[in-house]
Every structure is written in C-alpha cells, then in structure tokens.
Amino acid sequence: MTNKTLSIVSYITLIGWLIAYFSGKENANSLLKYHLRQSFGLLITSIVFNVVVSILISIIPFLGLLSYVGIIFLGLMIIGIINASNEVEKPLPLIGRLFESKFGFIQ
C-alpha cells in the first residue's frame, strides 16, 4: 500500500492504525508519520473521553446526554481522512496541535 493509503487507513479504528503502523514502518514518509501521530492522538483522546463519560453517567445518570458529544470524534476522524486523502499535513481542529510533536515511537 502507498503511504497515502496507509495515512487514510490509520484513522479507521485501532486495527486500521495498527495496520498502517506496521505496514508502513520501513518506508514511511513524513505524511504517514504525521497522520499516524494525529490518528493515534485522536484514538487516545476518544478512549479517555469515553471512559470519563461512562464513569460520570454511572454516577449521575442525568448526564447521559454527554455521550452525544462523542460524535465530535467521528467528525474529527472524517476531517483527518480528508486531510490524508488530499496529502495535507494539517492538524485536526481542537486537538491536533497537541499531537504534532508527541509519540516519539512513530519514526
């Protein structure tokens, strides 16, 4: 697969990220590395958000409406896929700048 294809696949769940990471490990260019960082940051952020919301909902059931805020992560995933398909190294809105220089294991 090309680096562009792997960049797109990296946004599709944890399995897609793992496929993109291990398939492109030998010949990764800057585009793939950038989108691997962005998609991994998005994945970690969404998992932490869902755990916190689940705990809050179990304590205070009235806060069940917070679970609908998780749709934002779907929108961010779509934006990331669009950026990867256009071969643009553009950070995701809201959280993308946090992950541009993180995750040193992605090299």
PDB file of N, CA and C in Angstrom:
ATOM      1  N   MET A   1       0.838  -1.181   0.000  1.00  0.00           N
ATOM      2  CA  MET A   1       0.000   0.000   0.000  1.00  0.00           C
ATOM      3  C   MET A   1       0.885   1.247   0.000  1.00  0.00           C
ATOM      4  N   THR A   2       0.371   2.302  -0.562  1.00  0.00           N
ATOM      5  CA  THR A   2       1.114   3.556  -0.590  1.00  0.00           C
ATOM      6  C   THR A   2       0.990   4.257   0.753  1.00  0.00           C
ATOM      7  N   ASN A   3       1.852   5.226   0.960  1.00  0.00           N
ATOM      8  CA  ASN A   3       1.808   5.989   2.206  1.00  0.00           C
ATOM      9  C   ASN A   3       0.512   6.784   2.335  1.00  0.00           C
ATOM     10  N   LYS A   4      -0.027   7.234   1.208  1.00  0.00           N
ATOM     11  CA  LYS A   4      -1.296   7.961   1.237  1.00  0.00           C
ATOM     12  C   LYS A   4      -2.413   7.036   1.713  1.00  0.00           C
ATOM     13  N   THR A   5      -2.472   5.834   1.189  1.00  0.00           N
ATOM     14  CA  THR A   5      -3.495   4.869   1.586  1.00  0.00           C
ATOM     15  C   THR A   5      -3.347   4.506   3.058  1.00  0.00           C
ATOM     16  N   LEU A   6      -2.120   4.285   3.492  1.00  0.00           N
ATOM     17  CA  LEU A   6      -1.895   3.963   4.895  1.00  0.00           C
ATOM     18  C   LEU A   6      -2.264   5.126   5.807  1.00  0.00           C
ATOM     19  N   SER A   7      -2.058   6.350   5.346  1.00  0.00           N
ATOM     20  CA  SER A   7      -2.460   7.527   6.130  1.00  0.00           C
ATOM     21  C   SER A   7      -3.971   7.557   6.319  1.00  0.00           C
ATOM     22  N   ILE A   8      -4.696   7.207   5.288  1.00  0.00           N
ATOM     23  CA  ILE A   8      -6.154   7.174   5.375  1.00  0.00           C
ATOM     24  C   ILE A   8      -6.604   6.045   6.295  1.00  0.00           C
ATOM     25  N   VAL A   9      -6.010   4.863   6.138  1.00  0.00           N
ATOM     26  CA  VAL A   9      -6.389   3.691   6.937  1.00  0.00           C
ATOM     27  C   VAL A   9      -6.099   3.920   8.423  1.00  0.00           C
ATOM     28  N   SER A  10      -5.096   4.725   8.734  1.00  0.00           N
ATOM     29  CA  SER A  10      -4.712   4.924  10.128  1.00  0.00           C
ATOM     30  C   SER A  10      -5.824   5.556  10.967  1.00  0.00           C
ATOM     31  N   TYR A  11      -6.752   6.249  10.340  1.00  0.00           N
ATOM     32  CA  TYR A  11      -7.842   6.889  11.078  1.00  0.00           C
ATOM     33  C   TYR A  11      -8.999   5.932  11.370  1.00  0.00           C
ATOM     34  N   ILE A  12      -8.984   4.757  10.770  1.00  0.00           N
ATOM     35  CA  ILE A  12     -10.122   3.844  10.898  1.00  0.00           C
ATOM     36  C   ILE A  12      -9.861   2.855  12.028  1.00  0.00           C
ATOM     37  N   THR A  13     -10.248   3.187  13.214  1.00  0.00           N
ATOM     38  CA  THR A  13     -10.160   2.396  14.451  1.00  0.00           C
ATOM     39  C   THR A  13      -8.725   1.987  14.788  1.00  0.00           C
ATOM     40  N   LEU A  14      -8.587   1.304  15.880  1.00  0.00           N
ATOM     41  CA  LEU A  14      -7.283   0.859  16.349  1.00  0.00           C
ATOM     42  C   LEU A  14      -6.672  -0.167  15.398  1.00  0.00           C
ATOM     43  N   ILE A  15      -7.487  -1.020  14.855  1.00  0.00           N
ATOM     44  CA  ILE A  15      -6.984  -2.038  13.922  1.00  0.00           C
ATOM     45  C   ILE A  15      -6.404  -1.379  12.667  1.00  0.00           C
ATOM     46  N   GLY A  16      -7.087  -0.381  12.146  1.00  0.00           N
ATOM     47  CA  GLY A  16      -6.567   0.355  10.995  1.00  0.00           C
ATOM     48  C   GLY A  16      -5.259   1.055  11.319  1.00  0.00           C
ATOM     49  N   TRP A  17      -5.164   1.609  12.528  1.00  0.00           N
ATOM     50  CA  TRP A  17      -3.928   2.272  12.929  1.00  0.00           C
ATOM     51  C   TRP A  17      -2.789   1.265  13.002  1.00  0.00           C
ATOM     52  N   LEU A  18      -3.049   0.105  13.584  1.00  0.00           N
ATOM     53  CA  LEU A  18      -2.011  -0.925  13.687  1.00  0.00           C
ATOM     54  C   LEU A  18      -1.561  -1.409  12.311  1.00  0.00           C
ATOM     55  N   ILE A  19      -2.509  -1.588  11.404  1.00  0.00           N
ATOM     56  CA  ILE A  19      -2.167  -1.997  10.042  1.00  0.00           C
ATOM     57  C   ILE A  19      -1.279  -0.946   9.378  1.00  0.00           C
ATOM     58  N   ALA A  20      -1.671   0.324   9.507  1.00  0.00           N
ATOM     59  CA  ALA A  20      -0.894   1.402   8.892  1.00  0.00           C
ATOM     60  C   ALA A  20       0.491   1.512   9.527  1.00  0.00           C
ATOM     61  N   TYR A  21       0.572   1.350  10.834  1.00  0.00           N
ATOM     62  CA  TYR A  21       1.857   1.478  11.529  1.00  0.00           C
ATOM     63  C   TYR A  21       2.820   0.373  11.126  1.00  0.00           C
ATOM     64  N   PHE A  22       2.380  -0.867  11.153  1.00  0.00           N
ATOM     65  CA  PHE A  22       3.284  -1.976  10.862  1.00  0.00           C
ATOM     66  C   PHE A  22       3.534  -2.157   9.367  1.00  0.00           C
ATOM     67  N   SER A  23       2.584  -1.803   8.521  1.00  0.00           N
ATOM     68  CA  SER A  23       2.795  -1.929   7.074  1.00  0.00           C
ATOM     69  C   SER A  23       3.736  -0.858   6.540  1.00  0.00           C
ATOM     70  N   GLY A  24       3.650   0.323   7.101  1.00  0.00           N
ATOM     71  CA  GLY A  24       4.460   1.419   6.588  1.00  0.00           C
ATOM     72  C   GLY A  24       5.696   1.709   7.395  1.00  0.00           C
ATOM     73  N   LYS A  25       6.042   0.834   8.300  1.00  0.00           N
ATOM     74  CA  LYS A  25       7.163   1.079   9.200  1.00  0.00           C
ATOM     75  C   LYS A  25       8.489   1.257   8.465  1.00  0.00           C
ATOM     76  N   GLU A  26       8.742   0.485   7.432  1.00  0.00           N
ATOM     77  CA  GLU A  26      10.030   0.541   6.747  1.00  0.00           C
ATOM     78  C   GLU A  26      10.178   1.747   5.821  1.00  0.00           C
ATOM     79  N   ASN A  27       9.118   2.088   5.098  1.00  0.00           N
ATOM     80  CA  ASN A  27       9.256   3.168   4.111  1.00  0.00           C
ATOM     81  C   ASN A  27       8.265   4.311   4.363  1.00  0.00           C
ATOM     82  N   ALA A  28       8.116   4.711   5.608  1.00  0.00           N
ATOM     83  CA  ALA A  28       7.184   5.788   5.955  1.00  0.00           C
ATOM     84  C   ALA A  28       7.774   7.140   5.590  1.00  0.00           C
ATOM     85  N   ASN A  29       6.981   7.945   4.924  1.00  0.00           N
ATOM     86  CA  ASN A  29       7.400   9.313   4.643  1.00  0.00           C
ATOM     87  C   ASN A  29       6.799  10.240   5.705  1.00  0.00           C
ATOM     88  N   SER A  30       7.042  11.522   5.575  1.00  0.00           N
ATOM     89  CA  SER A  30       6.571  12.475   6.594  1.00  0.00           C
ATOM     90  C   SER A  30       5.048  12.528   6.657  1.00  0.00           C
ATOM     91  N   LEU A  31       4.371  12.326   5.540  1.00  0.00           N
ATOM     92  CA  LEU A  31       2.901  12.335   5.524  1.00  0.00           C
ATOM     93  C   LEU A  31       2.342  11.217   6.391  1.00  0.00           C
ATOM     94  N   LEU A  32       2.835  10.026   6.227  1.00  0.00           N
ATOM     95  CA  LEU A  32       2.351   8.893   7.007  1.00  0.00           C
ATOM     96  C   LEU A  32       2.669   9.073   8.482  1.00  0.00           C
ATOM     97  N   LYS A  33       3.869   9.500   8.803  1.00  0.00           N
ATOM     98  CA  LYS A  33       4.238   9.711  10.206  1.00  0.00           C
ATOM     99  C   LYS A  33       3.337  10.761  10.853  1.00  0.00           C
ATOM    100  N   TYR A  34       3.068  11.827  10.121  1.00  0.00           N
ATOM    101  CA  TYR A  34       2.222  12.898  10.647  1.00  0.00           C
ATOM    102  C   TYR A  34       0.816  12.380  10.943  1.00  0.00           C
ATOM    103  N   HIS A  35       0.233  11.663  10.002  1.00  0.00           N
ATOM    104  CA  HIS A  35      -1.137  11.187  10.195  1.00  0.00           C
ATOM    105  C   HIS A  35      -1.206  10.036  11.191  1.00  0.00           C
ATOM    106  N   LEU A  36      -0.134   9.273  11.337  1.00  0.00           N
ATOM    107  CA  LEU A  36      -0.102   8.269  12.396  1.00  0.00           C
ATOM    108  C   LEU A  36      -0.148   8.946  13.765  1.00  0.00           C
ATOM    109  N   ARG A  37       0.597  10.045  13.920  1.00  0.00           N
ATOM    110  CA  ARG A  37       0.557  10.790  15.187  1.00  0.00           C
ATOM    111  C   ARG A  37      -0.821  11.391  15.441  1.00  0.00           C
ATOM    112  N   GLN A  38      -1.392  11.997  14.424  1.00  0.00           N
ATOM    113  CA  GLN A  38      -2.706  12.632  14.582  1.00  0.00           C
ATOM    114  C   GLN A  38      -3.781  11.599  14.909  1.00  0.00           C
ATOM    115  N   SER A  39      -3.787  10.499  14.184  1.00  0.00           N
ATOM    116  CA  SER A  39      -4.830   9.494  14.409  1.00  0.00           C
ATOM    117  C   SER A  39      -4.644   8.782  15.746  1.00  0.00           C
ATOM    118  N   PHE A  40      -3.395   8.563  16.173  1.00  0.00           N
ATOM    119  CA  PHE A  40      -3.158   7.944  17.476  1.00  0.00           C
ATOM    120  C   PHE A  40      -3.600   8.879  18.600  1.00  0.00           C
ATOM    121  N   GLY A  41      -3.320  10.164  18.452  1.00  0.00           N
ATOM    122  CA  GLY A  41      -3.782  11.145  19.438  1.00  0.00           C
ATOM    123  C   GLY A  41      -5.299  11.206  19.502  1.00  0.00           C
ATOM    124  N   LEU A  42      -5.939  11.152  18.350  1.00  0.00           N
ATOM    125  CA  LEU A  42      -7.403  11.140  18.305  1.00  0.00           C
ATOM    126  C   LEU A  42      -7.950   9.890  18.972  1.00  0.00           C
ATOM    127  N   LEU A  43      -7.328   8.758  18.726  1.00  0.00           N
ATOM    128  CA  LEU A  43      -7.755   7.494  19.326  1.00  0.00           C
ATOM    129  C   LEU A  43      -7.631   7.540  20.847  1.00  0.00           C
ATOM    130  N   ILE A  44      -6.492   7.984  21.345  1.00  0.00           N
ATOM    131  CA  ILE A  44      -6.271   8.078  22.796  1.00  0.00           C
ATOM    132  C   ILE A  44      -7.256   9.057  23.428  1.00  0.00           C
ATOM    133  N   THR A  45      -7.445  10.210  22.810  1.00  0.00           N
ATOM    134  CA  THR A  45      -8.367  11.208  23.334  1.00  0.00           C
ATOM    135  C   THR A  45      -9.793  10.681  23.386  1.00  0.00           C
ATOM    136  N   SER A  46     -10.222   9.986  22.350  1.00  0.00           N
ATOM    137  CA  SER A  46     -11.591   9.471  22.339  1.00  0.00           C
ATOM    138  C   SER A  46     -11.784   8.368  23.377  1.00  0.00           C
ATOM    139  N   ILE A  47     -10.773   7.532  23.593  1.00  0.00           N
ATOM    140  CA  ILE A  47     -10.883   6.486  24.608  1.00  0.00           C
ATOM    141  C   ILE A  47     -10.976   7.101  25.994  1.00  0.00           C
ATOM    142  N   VAL A  48     -10.114   8.071  26.288  1.00  0.00           N
ATOM    143  CA  VAL A  48     -10.152   8.734  27.596  1.00  0.00           C
ATOM    144  C   VAL A  48     -11.492   9.436  27.795  1.00  0.00           C
ATOM    145  N   PHE A  49     -11.972  10.120  26.765  1.00  0.00           N
ATOM    146  CA  PHE A  49     -13.258  10.803  26.868  1.00  0.00           C
ATOM    147  C   PHE A  49     -14.385   9.809  27.159  1.00  0.00           C
ATOM    148  N   ASN A  50     -14.401   8.694  26.441  1.00  0.00           N
ATOM    149  CA  ASN A  50     -15.465   7.710  26.639  1.00  0.00           C
ATOM    150  C   ASN A  50     -15.415   7.067  28.020  1.00  0.00           C
ATOM    151  N   VAL A  51     -14.231   6.829  28.542  1.00  0.00           N
ATOM    152  CA  VAL A  51     -14.112   6.268  29.892  1.00  0.00           C
ATOM    153  C   VAL A  51     -14.622   7.264  30.925  1.00  0.00           C
ATOM    154  N   VAL A  52     -14.219   8.519  30.803  1.00  0.00           N
ATOM    155  CA  VAL A  52     -14.664   9.545  31.750  1.00  0.00           C
ATOM    156  C   VAL A  52     -16.175   9.725  31.683  1.00  0.00           C
ATOM    157  N   VAL A  53     -16.722   9.782  30.492  1.00  0.00           N
ATOM    158  CA  VAL A  53     -18.168   9.944  30.343  1.00  0.00           C
ATOM    159  C   VAL A  53     -18.908   8.734  30.901  1.00  0.00           C
ATOM    160  N   SER A  54     -18.395   7.545  30.687  1.00  0.00           N
ATOM    161  CA  SER A  54     -19.042   6.342  31.225  1.00  0.00           C
ATOM    162  C   SER A  54     -19.061   6.367  32.747  1.00  0.00           C
ATOM    163  N   ILE A  55     -17.969   6.795  33.337  1.00  0.00           N
ATOM    164  CA  ILE A  55     -17.924   6.893  34.802  1.00  0.00           C
ATOM    165  C   ILE A  55     -18.905   7.944  35.300  1.00  0.00           C
ATOM    166  N   LEU A  56     -18.937   9.092  34.635  1.00  0.00           N
ATOM    167  CA  LEU A  56     -19.862  10.151  35.045  1.00  0.00           C
ATOM    168  C   LEU A  56     -21.315   9.706  34.901  1.00  0.00           C
ATOM    169  N   ILE A  57     -21.623   8.998  33.835  1.00  0.00           N
ATOM    170  CA  ILE A  57     -23.001   8.545  33.620  1.00  0.00           C
ATOM    171  C   ILE A  57     -23.393   7.493  34.655  1.00  0.00           C
ATOM    172  N   SER A  58     -22.447   6.651  35.055  1.00  0.00           N
ATOM    173  CA  SER A  58     -22.785   5.647  36.069  1.00  0.00           C
ATOM    174  C   SER A  58     -23.021   6.297  37.427  1.00  0.00           C
ATOM    175  N   ILE A  59     -22.381   7.429  37.686  1.00  0.00           N
ATOM    176  CA  ILE A  59     -22.585   8.140  38.949  1.00  0.00           C
ATOM    177  C   ILE A  59     -23.827   9.013  38.880  1.00  0.00           C
ATOM    178  N   ILE A  60     -23.949   9.767  37.795  1.00  0.00           N
ATOM    179  CA  ILE A  60     -25.068  10.705  37.626  1.00  0.00           C
ATOM    180  C   ILE A  60     -25.750  10.389  36.296  1.00  0.00           C
ATOM    181  N   PRO A  61     -26.807   9.576  36.321  1.00  0.00           N
ATOM    182  CA  PRO A  61     -27.457   9.165  35.062  1.00  0.00           C
ATOM    183  C   PRO A  61     -28.008  10.320  34.226  1.00  0.00           C
ATOM    184  N   PHE A  62     -28.295  11.440  34.860  1.00  0.00           N
ATOM    185  CA  PHE A  62     -28.822  12.595  34.143  1.00  0.00           C
ATOM    186  C   PHE A  62     -27.831  13.088  33.084  1.00  0.00           C
ATOM    187  N   LEU A  63     -26.545  12.820  33.278  1.00  0.00           N
ATOM    188  CA  LEU A  63     -25.525  13.286  32.342  1.00  0.00           C
ATOM    189  C   LEU A  63     -25.397  12.387  31.110  1.00  0.00           C
ATOM    190  N   GLY A  64     -26.360  11.538  30.884  1.00  0.00           N
ATOM    191  CA  GLY A  64     -26.347  10.647  29.724  1.00  0.00           C
ATOM    192  C   GLY A  64     -26.274  11.381  28.402  1.00  0.00           C
ATOM    193  N   LEU A  65     -26.700  12.628  28.402  1.00  0.00           N
ATOM    194  CA  LEU A  65     -26.631  13.417  27.169  1.00  0.00           C
ATOM    195  C   LEU A  65     -25.192  13.709  26.753  1.00  0.00           C
ATOM    196  N   LEU A  66     -24.240  13.588  27.686  1.00  0.00           N
ATOM    197  CA  LEU A  66     -22.835  13.813  27.338  1.00  0.00           C
ATOM    198  C   LEU A  66     -22.323  12.791  26.329  1.00  0.00           C
ATOM    199  N   SER A  67     -22.955  11.651  26.280  1.00  0.00           N
ATOM    200  CA  SER A  67     -22.498  10.625  25.342  1.00  0.00           C
ATOM    201  C   SER A  67     -22.675  11.074  23.893  1.00  0.00           C
ATOM    202  N   TYR A  68     -23.578  12.000  23.654  1.00  0.00           N
ATOM    203  CA  TYR A  68     -23.765  12.504  22.291  1.00  0.00           C
ATOM    204  C   TYR A  68     -22.641  13.438  21.853  1.00  0.00           C
ATOM    205  N   VAL A  69     -21.868  13.934  22.803  1.00  0.00           N
ATOM    206  CA  VAL A  69     -20.734  14.791  22.462  1.00  0.00           C
ATOM    207  C   VAL A  69     -19.654  13.970  21.746  1.00  0.00           C
ATOM    208  N   GLY A  70     -19.658  12.666  21.939  1.00  0.00           N
ATOM    209  CA  GLY A  70     -18.689  11.791  21.289  1.00  0.00           C
ATOM    210  C   GLY A  70     -18.763  11.804  19.774  1.00  0.00           C
ATOM    211  N   ILE A  71     -19.838  12.313  19.218  1.00  0.00           N
ATOM    212  CA  ILE A  71     -19.976  12.413  17.761  1.00  0.00           C
ATOM    213  C   ILE A  71     -18.917  13.360  17.185  1.00  0.00           C
ATOM    214  N   ILE A  72     -18.381  14.225  18.037  1.00  0.00           N
ATOM    215  CA  ILE A  72     -17.317  15.136  17.600  1.00  0.00           C
ATOM    216  C   ILE A  72     -16.110  14.338  17.122  1.00  0.00           C
ATOM    217  N   PHE A  73     -15.827  13.214  17.789  1.00  0.00           N
ATOM    218  CA  PHE A  73     -14.676  12.407  17.392  1.00  0.00           C
ATOM    219  C   PHE A  73     -14.878  11.778  16.018  1.00  0.00           C
ATOM    220  N   LEU A  74     -16.094  11.452  15.680  1.00  0.00           N
ATOM    221  CA  LEU A  74     -16.382  10.960  14.328  1.00  0.00           C
ATOM    222  C   LEU A  74     -16.100  12.050  13.301  1.00  0.00           C
ATOM    223  N   GLY A  75     -16.511  13.265  13.603  1.00  0.00           N
ATOM    224  CA  GLY A  75     -16.235  14.386  12.706  1.00  0.00           C
ATOM    225  C   GLY A  75     -14.745  14.639  12.544  1.00  0.00           C
ATOM    226  N   LEU A  76     -14.000  14.547  13.645  1.00  0.00           N
ATOM    227  CA  LEU A  76     -12.547  14.729  13.576  1.00  0.00           C
ATOM    228  C   LEU A  76     -11.891  13.619  12.760  1.00  0.00           C
ATOM    229  N   MET A  77     -12.417  12.403  12.871  1.00  0.00           N
ATOM    230  CA  MET A  77     -11.886  11.291  12.098  1.00  0.00           C
ATOM    231  C   MET A  77     -12.111  11.539  10.602  1.00  0.00           C
ATOM    232  N   ILE A  78     -13.274  12.026  10.247  1.00  0.00           N
ATOM    233  CA  ILE A  78     -13.574  12.319   8.840  1.00  0.00           C
ATOM    234  C   ILE A  78     -12.677  13.440   8.318  1.00  0.00           C
ATOM    235  N   ILE A  79     -12.459  14.467   9.137  1.00  0.00           N
ATOM    236  CA  ILE A  79     -11.567  15.554   8.737  1.00  0.00           C
ATOM    237  C   ILE A  79     -10.154  15.034   8.523  1.00  0.00           C
ATOM    238  N   GLY A  80      -9.694  14.145   9.397  1.00  0.00           N
ATOM    239  CA  GLY A  80      -8.374  13.553   9.243  1.00  0.00           C
ATOM    240  C   GLY A  80      -8.260  12.730   7.977  1.00  0.00           C
ATOM    241  N   ILE A  81      -9.291  11.970   7.661  1.00  0.00           N
ATOM    242  CA  ILE A  81      -9.288  11.171   6.434  1.00  0.00           C
ATOM    243  C   ILE A  81      -9.238  12.079   5.206  1.00  0.00           C
ATOM    244  N   ILE A  82      -9.976  13.168   5.241  1.00  0.00           N
ATOM    245  CA  ILE A  82      -9.961  14.122   4.120  1.00  0.00           C
ATOM    246  C   ILE A  82      -8.577  14.740   3.967  1.00  0.00           C
ATOM    247  N   ASN A  83      -7.963  15.138   5.095  1.00  0.00           N
ATOM    248  CA  ASN A  83      -6.612  15.709   5.031  1.00  0.00           C
ATOM    249  C   ASN A  83      -5.607  14.689   4.484  1.00  0.00           C
ATOM    250  N   ALA A  84      -5.722  13.441   4.918  1.00  0.00           N
ATOM    251  CA  ALA A  84      -4.805  12.404   4.440  1.00  0.00           C
ATOM    252  C   ALA A  84      -5.011  12.127   2.958  1.00  0.00           C
ATOM    253  N   SER A  85      -6.256  12.129   2.505  1.00  0.00           N
ATOM    254  CA  SER A  85      -6.511  11.857   1.083  1.00  0.00           C
ATOM    255  C   SER A  85      -6.048  13.005   0.194  1.00  0.00           C
ATOM    256  N   ASN A  86      -6.017  14.215   0.742  1.00  0.00           N
ATOM    257  CA  ASN A  86      -5.508  15.361  -0.008  1.00  0.00           C
ATOM    258  C   ASN A  86      -4.000  15.534   0.161  1.00  0.00           C
ATOM    259  N   GLU A  87      -3.373  14.626   0.914  1.00  0.00           N
ATOM    260  CA  GLU A  87      -1.939  14.650   1.194  1.00  0.00           C
ATOM    261  C   GLU A  87      -1.499  15.957   1.830  1.00  0.00           C
ATOM    262  N   VAL A  88      -2.282  16.410   2.806  1.00  0.00           N
ATOM    263  CA  VAL A  88      -2.009  17.651   3.518  1.00  0.00           C
ATOM    264  C   VAL A  88      -1.635  17.313   4.956  1.00  0.00           C
ATOM    265  N   GLU A  89      -0.569  17.925   5.454  1.00  0.00           N
ATOM    266  CA  GLU A  89      -0.176  17.748   6.849  1.00  0.00           C
ATOM    267  C   GLU A  89      -0.781  18.878   7.672  1.00  0.00           C
ATOM    268  N   LYS A  90      -2.071  18.812   7.872  1.00  0.00           N
ATOM    269  CA  LYS A  90      -2.819  19.845   8.580  1.00  0.00           C
ATOM    270  C   LYS A  90      -3.347  19.240   9.878  1.00  0.00           C
ATOM    271  N   PRO A  91      -3.168  19.929  11.015  1.00  0.00           N
ATOM    272  CA  PRO A  91      -3.626  19.353  12.288  1.00  0.00           C
ATOM    273  C   PRO A  91      -5.144  19.306  12.384  1.00  0.00           C
ATOM    274  N   LEU A  92      -5.617  18.345  13.150  1.00  0.00           N
ATOM    275  CA  LEU A  92      -7.053  18.236  13.395  1.00  0.00           C
ATOM    276  C   LEU A  92      -7.515  19.429  14.220  1.00  0.00           C
ATOM    277  N   PRO A  93      -8.728  19.914  14.003  1.00  0.00           N
ATOM    278  CA  PRO A  93      -9.237  21.012  14.828  1.00  0.00           C
ATOM    279  C   PRO A  93      -9.331  20.581  16.295  1.00  0.00           C
ATOM    280  N   LEU A  94      -9.193  21.501  17.180  1.00  0.00           N
ATOM    281  CA  LEU A  94      -9.317  21.329  18.635  1.00  0.00           C
ATOM    282  C   LEU A  94      -8.144  20.599  19.278  1.00  0.00           C
ATOM    283  N   ILE A  95      -7.741  19.437  18.772  1.00  0.00           N
ATOM    284  CA  ILE A  95      -6.743  18.622  19.462  1.00  0.00           C
ATOM    285  C   ILE A  95      -5.489  18.344  18.644  1.00  0.00           C
ATOM    286  N   GLY A  96      -5.478  18.683  17.401  1.00  0.00           N
ATOM    287  CA  GLY A  96      -4.384  18.299  16.508  1.00  0.00           C
ATOM    288  C   GLY A  96      -3.033  18.874  16.865  1.00  0.00           C
ATOM    289  N   ARG A  97      -2.979  20.108  17.311  1.00  0.00           N
ATOM    290  CA  ARG A  97      -1.702  20.741  17.657  1.00  0.00           C
ATOM    291  C   ARG A  97      -1.017  20.045  18.833  1.00  0.00           C
ATOM    292  N   LEU A  98      -1.801  19.408  19.687  1.00  0.00           N
ATOM    293  CA  LEU A  98      -1.234  18.728  20.856  1.00  0.00           C
ATOM    294  C   LEU A  98      -0.381  17.526  20.463  1.00  0.00           C
ATOM    295  N   PHE A  99      -0.661  16.927  19.326  1.00  0.00           N
ATOM    296  CA  PHE A  99      -0.031  15.671  18.955  1.00  0.00           C
ATOM    297  C   PHE A  99       0.990  15.782  17.834  1.00  0.00           C
ATOM    298  N   GLU A 100       1.290  16.990  17.374  1.00  0.00           N
ATOM    299  CA  GLU A 100       2.227  17.138  16.262  1.00  0.00           C
ATOM    300  C   GLU A 100       3.644  16.704  16.636  1.00  0.00           C
ATOM    301  N   SER A 101       4.050  16.910  17.862  1.00  0.00           N
ATOM    302  CA  SER A 101       5.419  16.555  18.250  1.00  0.00           C
ATOM    303  C   SER A 101       5.461  15.432  19.295  1.00  0.00           C
ATOM    304  N   LYS A 102       4.341  14.820  19.571  1.00  0.00           N
ATOM    305  CA  LYS A 102       4.279  13.742  20.553  1.00  0.00           C
ATOM    306  C   LYS A 102       4.497  12.384  19.887  1.00  0.00           C
ATOM    307  N   PHE A 103       4.533  11.349  20.700  1.00  0.00           N
ATOM    308  CA  PHE A 103       4.630   9.957  20.254  1.00  0.00           C
ATOM    309  C   PHE A 103       5.938   9.723  19.479  1.00  0.00           C
ATOM    310  N   GLY A 104       7.015   9.783  20.201  1.00  0.00           N
ATOM    311  CA  GLY A 104       8.339   9.616  19.619  1.00  0.00           C
ATOM    312  C   GLY A 104       8.599   8.249  19.007  1.00  0.00           C
ATOM    313  N   PHE A 105       7.788   7.247  19.365  1.00  0.00           N
ATOM    314  CA  PHE A 105       7.988   5.915  18.801  1.00  0.00           C
ATOM    315  C   PHE A 105       7.575   5.838  17.334  1.00  0.00           C
ATOM    316  N   ILE A 106       6.874   6.841  16.847  1.00  0.00           N
ATOM    317  CA  ILE A 106       6.480   6.872  15.433  1.00  0.00           C
ATOM    318  C   ILE A 106       7.592   7.594  14.665  1.00  0.00           C
ATOM    319  N   GLN A 107       8.485   6.808  14.057  1.00  0.00           N
ATOM    320  CA  GLN A 107       9.624   7.394  13.351  1.00  0.00           C
ATOM    321  C   GLN A 107       9.802   6.759  12.004  1.00  0.00           C
TER     322      GLN A 107
END
